[in-house]
Amino acid sequence: MKFCFLLSVFLLICSCQKKKLTCEELREKAKNDFKNNKLTYFEHIKLSDSIDIRKEFRQLLNKNNIKVVFDTISPPGCIPADKSSKPEICYQEMMNNNLHAQFGHHFFDSIRIEAKNEHLKNLK
């Protein structure tokens, strides 16, 4: 009886655990999502940006069929992120690289400026 109970608990635990994807698998997923027009831009939150500016930024990118995910976990910096402990970074980097290749860095910079200008216009 104990054996059956322990076996069922073990099987339940094993079945509930999701398989963690490797960095390479996540890069391939990002490439496929990009090809299938499932576009997501990963933006690091800037402390100087208000919530309203982020909303404007999201709305402007949505007009181009691009979702935005604001990320506070891994800010950009000099020290590279540890991809072995956070493989989702591989997906984010690949998706952002593909988006920058298609639209250009200038596109995202101009959207940021437009979002800030819209926010300032709404304050008046």
C-alpha atoms as a PDB file:
ATOM      1  CA  MET A   1       0.000   0.000   0.000  1.00  0.00           C
ATOM      2  CA  LYS A   2       2.812   2.401   0.897  1.00  0.00           C
ATOM      3  CA  PHE A   3       4.570   1.468  -2.305  1.00  0.00           C
ATOM      4  CA  CYS A   4       1.527   2.369  -4.420  1.00  0.00           C
ATOM      5  CA  PHE A   5       1.149   5.685  -2.636  1.00  0.00           C
ATOM      6  CA  LEU A   6       4.828   6.572  -3.056  1.00  0.00           C
ATOM      7  CA  LEU A   7       4.768   5.488  -6.679  1.00  0.00           C
ATOM      8  CA  SER A   8       1.727   7.651  -7.419  1.00  0.00           C
ATOM      9  CA  VAL A   9       3.307  10.666  -5.678  1.00  0.00           C
ATOM     10  CA  PHE A  10       6.516  10.159  -7.643  1.00  0.00           C
ATOM     11  CA  LEU A  11       4.641   9.911 -10.944  1.00  0.00           C
ATOM     12  CA  LEU A  12       2.611  12.994 -10.112  1.00  0.00           C
ATOM     13  CA  ILE A  13       5.740  15.007  -9.374  1.00  0.00           C
ATOM     14  CA  CYS A  14       7.471  13.811 -12.536  1.00  0.00           C
ATOM     15  CA  SER A  15       4.474  14.573 -14.737  1.00  0.00           C
ATOM     16  CA  CYS A  16       4.096  18.108 -13.347  1.00  0.00           C
ATOM     17  CA  GLN A  17       7.662  19.168 -14.040  1.00  0.00           C
ATOM     18  CA  LYS A  18       8.091  20.972 -17.322  1.00  0.00           C
ATOM     19  CA  LYS A  19      11.096  20.230 -19.440  1.00  0.00           C
ATOM     20  CA  LYS A  20      13.450  23.191 -19.380  1.00  0.00           C
ATOM     21  CA  LEU A  21      14.487  24.206 -22.851  1.00  0.00           C
ATOM     22  CA  THR A  22      18.134  24.787 -23.628  1.00  0.00           C
ATOM     23  CA  CYS A  23      19.488  28.090 -24.848  1.00  0.00           C
ATOM     24  CA  GLU A  24      19.789  26.740 -28.387  1.00  0.00           C
ATOM     25  CA  GLU A  25      16.183  25.453 -28.354  1.00  0.00           C
ATOM     26  CA  LEU A  26      14.966  28.851 -27.163  1.00  0.00           C
ATOM     27  CA  ARG A  27      16.893  30.600 -29.945  1.00  0.00           C
ATOM     28  CA  GLU A  28      15.214  28.317 -32.489  1.00  0.00           C
ATOM     29  CA  LYS A  29      11.828  29.039 -30.913  1.00  0.00           C
ATOM     30  CA  ALA A  30      12.500  32.775 -31.231  1.00  0.00           C
ATOM     31  CA  LYS A  31      13.466  32.344 -34.903  1.00  0.00           C
ATOM     32  CA  ASN A  32      10.268  30.378 -35.572  1.00  0.00           C
ATOM     33  CA  ASP A  33       8.101  32.886 -33.708  1.00  0.00           C
ATOM     34  CA  PHE A  34       9.706  35.693 -35.707  1.00  0.00           C
ATOM     35  CA  LYS A  35       9.076  33.876 -39.008  1.00  0.00           C
ATOM     36  CA  ASN A  36       5.451  33.308 -37.934  1.00  0.00           C
ATOM     37  CA  ASN A  37       5.073  37.023 -37.145  1.00  0.00           C
ATOM     38  CA  LYS A  38       4.725  36.435 -33.381  1.00  0.00           C
ATOM     39  CA  LEU A  39       6.787  39.490 -32.559  1.00  0.00           C
ATOM     40  CA  THR A  40       7.702  40.395 -28.982  1.00  0.00           C
ATOM     41  CA  TYR A  41      10.118  43.150 -28.050  1.00  0.00           C
ATOM     42  CA  PHE A  42      11.870  42.849 -24.697  1.00  0.00           C
ATOM     43  CA  GLU A  43      12.526  46.284 -23.206  1.00  0.00           C
ATOM     44  CA  HIS A  44      14.452  46.971 -20.037  1.00  0.00           C
ATOM     45  CA  ILE A  45      12.605  49.343 -17.756  1.00  0.00           C
ATOM     46  CA  LYS A  46      14.333  52.653 -17.444  1.00  0.00           C
ATOM     47  CA  LEU A  47      13.919  54.295 -14.057  1.00  0.00           C
ATOM     48  CA  SER A  48      13.346  57.642 -15.745  1.00  0.00           C
ATOM     49  CA  ASP A  49      10.315  56.358 -17.683  1.00  0.00           C
ATOM     50  CA  SER A  50       6.910  56.653 -16.118  1.00  0.00           C
ATOM     51  CA  ILE A  51       4.201  54.023 -16.445  1.00  0.00           C
ATOM     52  CA  ASP A  52       2.387  56.323 -18.872  1.00  0.00           C
ATOM     53  CA  ILE A  53       5.420  56.459 -21.182  1.00  0.00           C
ATOM     54  CA  ARG A  54       5.594  52.660 -21.131  1.00  0.00           C
ATOM     55  CA  LYS A  55       1.883  52.494 -22.016  1.00  0.00           C
ATOM     56  CA  GLU A  56       2.433  54.854 -24.953  1.00  0.00           C
ATOM     57  CA  PHE A  57       5.463  52.824 -26.064  1.00  0.00           C
ATOM     58  CA  ARG A  58       3.392  49.621 -25.915  1.00  0.00           C
ATOM     59  CA  GLN A  59       0.536  51.168 -27.909  1.00  0.00           C
ATOM     60  CA  LEU A  60       2.854  52.498 -30.604  1.00  0.00           C
ATOM     61  CA  LEU A  61       4.550  49.122 -31.046  1.00  0.00           C
ATOM     62  CA  ASN A  62       1.188  47.328 -31.042  1.00  0.00           C
ATOM     63  CA  LYS A  63       0.313  49.346 -34.143  1.00  0.00           C
ATOM     64  CA  ASN A  64       3.200  47.484 -35.809  1.00  0.00           C
ATOM     65  CA  ASN A  65       2.001  44.101 -34.505  1.00  0.00           C
ATOM     66  CA  ILE A  66       4.777  43.966 -31.897  1.00  0.00           C
ATOM     67  CA  LYS A  67       4.067  42.988 -28.298  1.00  0.00           C
ATOM     68  CA  VAL A  68       6.248  44.487 -25.566  1.00  0.00           C
ATOM     69  CA  VAL A  69       7.489  42.811 -22.414  1.00  0.00           C
ATOM     70  CA  PHE A  70       9.104  45.124 -19.904  1.00  0.00           C
ATOM     71  CA  ASP A  71      11.918  43.385 -18.077  1.00  0.00           C
ATOM     72  CA  THR A  72      13.301  44.389 -14.705  1.00  0.00           C
ATOM     73  CA  ILE A  73      15.255  41.223 -13.942  1.00  0.00           C
ATOM     74  CA  SER A  74      18.314  41.584 -16.124  1.00  0.00           C
ATOM     75  CA  PRO A  75      19.231  45.194 -16.882  1.00  0.00           C
ATOM     76  CA  PRO A  76      21.737  45.789 -19.642  1.00  0.00           C
ATOM     77  CA  GLY A  77      25.271  46.297 -18.455  1.00  0.00           C
ATOM     78  CA  CYS A  78      28.920  45.477 -18.898  1.00  0.00           C
ATOM     79  CA  ILE A  79      28.687  42.037 -17.332  1.00  0.00           C
ATOM     80  CA  PRO A  80      27.042  39.467 -19.613  1.00  0.00           C
ATOM     81  CA  ALA A  81      24.032  37.658 -18.209  1.00  0.00           C
ATOM     82  CA  ASP A  82      24.485  34.070 -17.075  1.00  0.00           C
ATOM     83  CA  LYS A  83      22.492  32.221 -19.730  1.00  0.00           C
ATOM     84  CA  SER A  84      22.897  28.857 -18.039  1.00  0.00           C
ATOM     85  CA  SER A  85      20.853  29.961 -15.037  1.00  0.00           C
ATOM     86  CA  LYS A  86      18.374  32.033 -17.114  1.00  0.00           C
ATOM     87  CA  PRO A  87      18.081  30.439 -20.555  1.00  0.00           C
ATOM     88  CA  GLU A  88      15.034  32.608 -21.372  1.00  0.00           C
ATOM     89  CA  ILE A  89      17.543  35.388 -22.023  1.00  0.00           C
ATOM     90  CA  CYS A  90      18.548  33.487 -25.180  1.00  0.00           C
ATOM     91  CA  TYR A  91      14.980  33.803 -26.529  1.00  0.00           C
ATOM     92  CA  GLN A  92      14.838  37.499 -25.642  1.00  0.00           C
ATOM     93  CA  GLU A  93      18.179  38.289 -27.254  1.00  0.00           C
ATOM     94  CA  MET A  94      17.374  36.384 -30.443  1.00  0.00           C
ATOM     95  CA  MET A  95      13.943  37.998 -30.796  1.00  0.00           C
ATOM     96  CA  ASN A  96      15.319  41.502 -30.174  1.00  0.00           C
ATOM     97  CA  ASN A  97      18.206  40.900 -32.595  1.00  0.00           C
ATOM     98  CA  ASN A  98      15.752  39.809 -35.299  1.00  0.00           C
ATOM     99  CA  LEU A  99      13.524  42.818 -34.661  1.00  0.00           C
ATOM    100  CA  HIS A 100      16.490  45.212 -34.791  1.00  0.00           C
ATOM    101  CA  ALA A 101      17.651  43.577 -38.022  1.00  0.00           C
ATOM    102  CA  GLN A 102      14.223  44.002 -39.635  1.00  0.00           C
ATOM    103  CA  PHE A 103      13.202  47.424 -38.289  1.00  0.00           C
ATOM    104  CA  GLY A 104      16.550  48.948 -37.272  1.00  0.00           C
ATOM    105  CA  HIS A 105      17.655  50.369 -33.941  1.00  0.00           C
ATOM    106  CA  HIS A 106      16.514  53.799 -35.107  1.00  0.00           C
ATOM    107  CA  PHE A 107      12.917  52.547 -35.324  1.00  0.00           C
ATOM    108  CA  PHE A 108      12.783  51.623 -31.632  1.00  0.00           C
ATOM    109  CA  ASP A 109      14.586  54.806 -30.602  1.00  0.00           C
ATOM    110  CA  SER A 110      12.095  56.907 -32.552  1.00  0.00           C
ATOM    111  CA  ILE A 111       9.169  55.020 -30.988  1.00  0.00           C
ATOM    112  CA  ARG A 112      10.621  55.770 -27.531  1.00  0.00           C
ATOM    113  CA  ILE A 113      10.906  59.470 -28.386  1.00  0.00           C
ATOM    114  CA  GLU A 114       7.393  59.512 -29.810  1.00  0.00           C
ATOM    115  CA  ALA A 115       6.052  57.846 -26.646  1.00  0.00           C
ATOM    116  CA  LYS A 116       7.756  60.477 -24.471  1.00  0.00           C
ATOM    117  CA  ASN A 117       6.417  63.294 -26.665  1.00  0.00           C
ATOM    118  CA  GLU A 118       2.885  61.863 -26.519  1.00  0.00           C
ATOM    119  CA  HIS A 119       3.153  61.619 -22.755  1.00  0.00           C
ATOM    120  CA  LEU A 120       4.299  65.257 -22.484  1.00  0.00           C
ATOM    121  CA  LYS A 121       1.522  66.378 -24.838  1.00  0.00           C
ATOM    122  CA  ASN A 122      -1.075  64.629 -22.647  1.00  0.00           C
ATOM    123  CA  LEU A 123       0.265  66.380 -19.528  1.00  0.00           C
ATOM    124  CA  LYS A 124      -0.586  69.817 -20.964  1.00  0.00           C
END
